[in-house]
C-alpha atoms as a PDB file:
ATOM      1  CA  MET A   1      37.660  11.264 -14.566  1.00  0.00           C
ATOM      2  CA  LYS A   2      36.549  13.913 -11.924  1.00  0.00           C
ATOM      3  CA  ARG A   3      34.259  15.702 -14.166  1.00  0.00           C
ATOM      4  CA  LEU A   4      32.491  12.635 -14.802  1.00  0.00           C
ATOM      5  CA  PHE A   5      32.307  11.953 -11.743  1.00  0.00           C
ATOM      6  CA  PHE A   6      30.987  15.210 -10.648  1.00  0.00           C
ATOM      7  CA  SER A   7      28.453  14.323 -13.527  1.00  0.00           C
ATOM      8  CA  PHE A   8      27.009  11.707 -13.017  1.00  0.00           C
ATOM      9  CA  ALA A   9      26.627  12.805  -9.221  1.00  0.00           C
ATOM     10  CA  ILE A  10      25.260  15.687 -11.121  1.00  0.00           C
ATOM     11  CA  LEU A  11      21.946  13.876 -13.057  1.00  0.00           C
ATOM     12  CA  THR A  12      21.654  11.528  -9.499  1.00  0.00           C
ATOM     13  CA  VAL A  13      20.441  14.815  -7.881  1.00  0.00           C
ATOM     14  CA  VAL A  14      18.511  15.833 -10.330  1.00  0.00           C
ATOM     15  CA  ALA A  15      16.771  12.903 -11.112  1.00  0.00           C
ATOM     16  CA  GLY A  16      15.758  12.169  -7.711  1.00  0.00           C
ATOM     17  CA  CYS A  17      13.732  15.542  -6.981  1.00  0.00           C
ATOM     18  CA  ALA A  18      11.676  14.966 -10.017  1.00  0.00           C
ATOM     19  CA  THR A  19       8.511  14.755  -9.062  1.00  0.00           C
ATOM     20  CA  VAL A  20       4.907  12.934 -11.278  1.00  0.00           C
ATOM     21  CA  ASP A  21       2.720  14.191 -12.447  1.00  0.00           C
ATOM     22  CA  PRO A  22      -0.707  12.343 -10.190  1.00  0.00           C
ATOM     23  CA  VAL A  23      -3.404  10.481 -13.676  1.00  0.00           C
ATOM     24  CA  LYS A  24      -5.773  12.238 -14.134  1.00  0.00           C
ATOM     25  CA  THR A  25     -10.140  10.948 -14.353  1.00  0.00           C
ATOM     26  CA  PRO A  26     -12.122  11.552 -15.272  1.00  0.00           C
ATOM     27  CA  PRO A  27     -14.347  13.676 -13.883  1.00  0.00           C
ATOM     28  CA  GLY A  28     -17.535  11.855 -12.287  1.00  0.00           C
ATOM     29  CA  ASP A  29     -15.645   8.096 -13.599  1.00  0.00           C
ATOM     30  CA  SER A  30     -14.934   6.413  -9.694  1.00  0.00           C
ATOM     31  CA  THR A  31     -13.583   2.883 -11.989  1.00  0.00           C
ATOM     32  CA  PHE A  32     -10.545   4.620 -13.591  1.00  0.00           C
ATOM     33  CA  ILE A  33      -8.341   2.552 -12.389  1.00  0.00           C
ATOM     34  CA  GLY A  34      -5.731   5.453 -12.373  1.00  0.00           C
ATOM     35  CA  ALA A  35      -8.146   6.806  -9.908  1.00  0.00           C
ATOM     36  CA  PRO A  36      -6.162   8.195  -6.479  1.00  0.00           C
ATOM     37  CA  VAL A  37      -6.465   5.743  -3.558  1.00  0.00           C
ATOM     38  CA  GLU A  38      -8.459   8.071  -0.786  1.00  0.00           C
ATOM     39  CA  THR A  39      -6.027   8.069   1.920  1.00  0.00           C
ATOM     40  CA  PRO A  40      -8.073   5.974   5.046  1.00  0.00           C
ATOM     41  CA  PRO A  41      -6.755   7.668   9.086  1.00  0.00           C
ATOM     42  CA  ALA A  42      -4.249   7.231  10.060  1.00  0.00           C
ATOM     43  CA  VAL A  43      -5.254   4.823  13.235  1.00  0.00           C
ATOM     44  CA  GLU A  44      -2.304   1.898  13.603  1.00  0.00           C
ATOM     45  CA  PRO A  45      -4.239  -0.909  13.753  1.00  0.00           C
ATOM     46  CA  PRO A  46      -3.983  -3.211  17.511  1.00  0.00           C
ATOM     47  CA  ARG A  47      -0.448  -5.032  17.330  1.00  0.00           C
ATOM     48  CA  PRO A  48      -0.632  -8.654  15.628  1.00  0.00           C
ATOM     49  CA  ARG A  49       0.654 -12.237  16.391  1.00  0.00           C
ATOM     50  CA  HIS A  50       3.102 -11.933  13.357  1.00  0.00           C
ATOM     51  CA  ASN A  51       5.608  -8.989  13.336  1.00  0.00           C
ATOM     52  CA  LEU A  52       5.122  -6.038  11.158  1.00  0.00           C
ATOM     53  CA  SER A  53       7.146  -3.212  11.703  1.00  0.00           C
ATOM     54  CA  GLY A  54       8.751  -1.685   8.146  1.00  0.00           C
ATOM     55  CA  PHE A  55       5.689  -2.708   6.290  1.00  0.00           C
ATOM     56  CA  PRO A  56       3.902   0.119   5.811  1.00  0.00           C
ATOM     57  CA  LEU A  57       0.320   1.622   7.127  1.00  0.00           C
ATOM     58  CA  PRO A  58      -1.558   0.139   3.720  1.00  0.00           C
ATOM     59  CA  TYR A  59      -0.273  -2.927   4.146  1.00  0.00           C
ATOM     60  CA  ARG A  60      -0.698  -3.209   8.044  1.00  0.00           C
ATOM     61  CA  GLN A  61      -4.210  -2.315   8.147  1.00  0.00           C
ATOM     62  CA  GLY A  62      -5.484  -4.921   4.824  1.00  0.00           C
ATOM     63  CA  TYR A  63      -3.173  -6.871   7.062  1.00  0.00           C
ATOM     64  CA  ASP A  64      -5.483  -6.399  10.333  1.00  0.00           C
ATOM     65  CA  ASP A  65      -8.118  -6.751   8.505  1.00  0.00           C
ATOM     66  CA  GLY A  66      -7.661  -9.737   6.212  1.00  0.00           C
ATOM     67  CA  CYS A  67      -6.990 -11.812   9.746  1.00  0.00           C
ATOM     68  CA  ASN A  68     -10.105 -10.697  11.410  1.00  0.00           C
ATOM     69  CA  SER A  69     -11.618 -11.810   8.382  1.00  0.00           C
ATOM     70  CA  VAL A  70     -10.982 -15.363   9.070  1.00  0.00           C
ATOM     71  CA  GLN A  71     -12.479 -15.425  12.905  1.00  0.00           C
ATOM     72  CA  GLY A  72     -15.906 -14.137  11.480  1.00  0.00           C
ATOM     73  CA  ALA A  73     -16.971 -12.276   9.241  1.00  0.00           C
ATOM     74  CA  GLU A  74     -15.609 -10.514   5.974  1.00  0.00           C
ATOM     75  CA  ARG A  75     -13.672  -7.260   6.943  1.00  0.00           C
ATOM     76  CA  LYS A  76     -12.735  -5.546   3.600  1.00  0.00           C
ATOM     77  CA  ASP A  77     -12.770  -2.633   1.814  1.00  0.00           C
ATOM     78  CA  ALA A  78     -13.778  -3.509  -1.181  1.00  0.00           C
ATOM     79  CA  GLN A  79     -12.512   0.500  -2.839  1.00  0.00           C
ATOM     80  CA  ARG A  80      -8.543  -0.161  -1.003  1.00  0.00           C
ATOM     81  CA  PHE A  81      -8.844  -4.421  -1.796  1.00  0.00           C
ATOM     82  CA  ALA A  82      -9.423  -3.008  -5.903  1.00  0.00           C
ATOM     83  CA  ARG A  83      -6.870   0.054  -5.776  1.00  0.00           C
ATOM     84  CA  ASP A  84      -4.225   0.024  -2.870  1.00  0.00           C
ATOM     85  CA  ALA A  85      -1.326  -2.730  -3.819  1.00  0.00           C
ATOM     86  CA  ASN A  86      -0.432  -2.921  -0.137  1.00  0.00           C
ATOM     87  CA  TYR A  87      -3.604  -2.928   1.474  1.00  0.00           C
ATOM     88  CA  ARG A  88      -4.614  -6.148  -0.818  1.00  0.00           C
ATOM     89  CA  THR A  89      -1.387  -7.436  -0.490  1.00  0.00           C
ATOM     90  CA  GLY A  90      -1.963  -7.125   3.281  1.00  0.00           C
ATOM     91  CA  TRP A  91      -4.997  -8.521   3.737  1.00  0.00           C
ATOM     92  CA  GLN A  92      -4.462 -11.657   1.392  1.00  0.00           C
ATOM     93  CA  ASP A  93      -0.951 -11.967   3.904  1.00  0.00           C
ATOM     94  CA  GLY A  94      -3.513 -11.476   7.188  1.00  0.00           C
ATOM     95  CA  TYR A  95      -6.046 -14.397   5.660  1.00  0.00           C
ATOM     96  CA  ALA A  96      -3.502 -16.672   4.800  1.00  0.00           C
ATOM     97  CA  LEU A  97      -1.280 -16.703   7.753  1.00  0.00           C
ATOM     98  CA  CYS A  98      -3.814 -16.502  10.297  1.00  0.00           C
ATOM     99  CA  ALA A  99      -6.238 -19.660   8.565  1.00  0.00           C
ATOM    100  CA  PRO A 100      -6.238 -22.791  11.262  1.00  0.00           C
ATOM    101  CA  ARG A 101      -3.941 -24.886   9.404  1.00  0.00           C
ATOM    102  CA  LYS A 102      -5.526 -27.923   8.136  1.00  0.00           C
END
């Protein structure tokens, strides 16, 4: 039983250290779905009226852009919206939650 537990513990540690190779993007193809997302500067958006602590920075940035889009001209980074799920979800949530209720 001890051997089984020890083997499982070692396997878990080794599996946690495994890395995944990034998807190779064909040269000059910026529309390739597996293309890496360029990381924007780590600028914290202004504090929203909803508690977003614990959410990743791209989500908070998207939320801020979506929320501000309700109040005026649409603020959306189209490339990030298409490729970054956290930014896209944050933008959609910000837009929906900041829109006036009917």
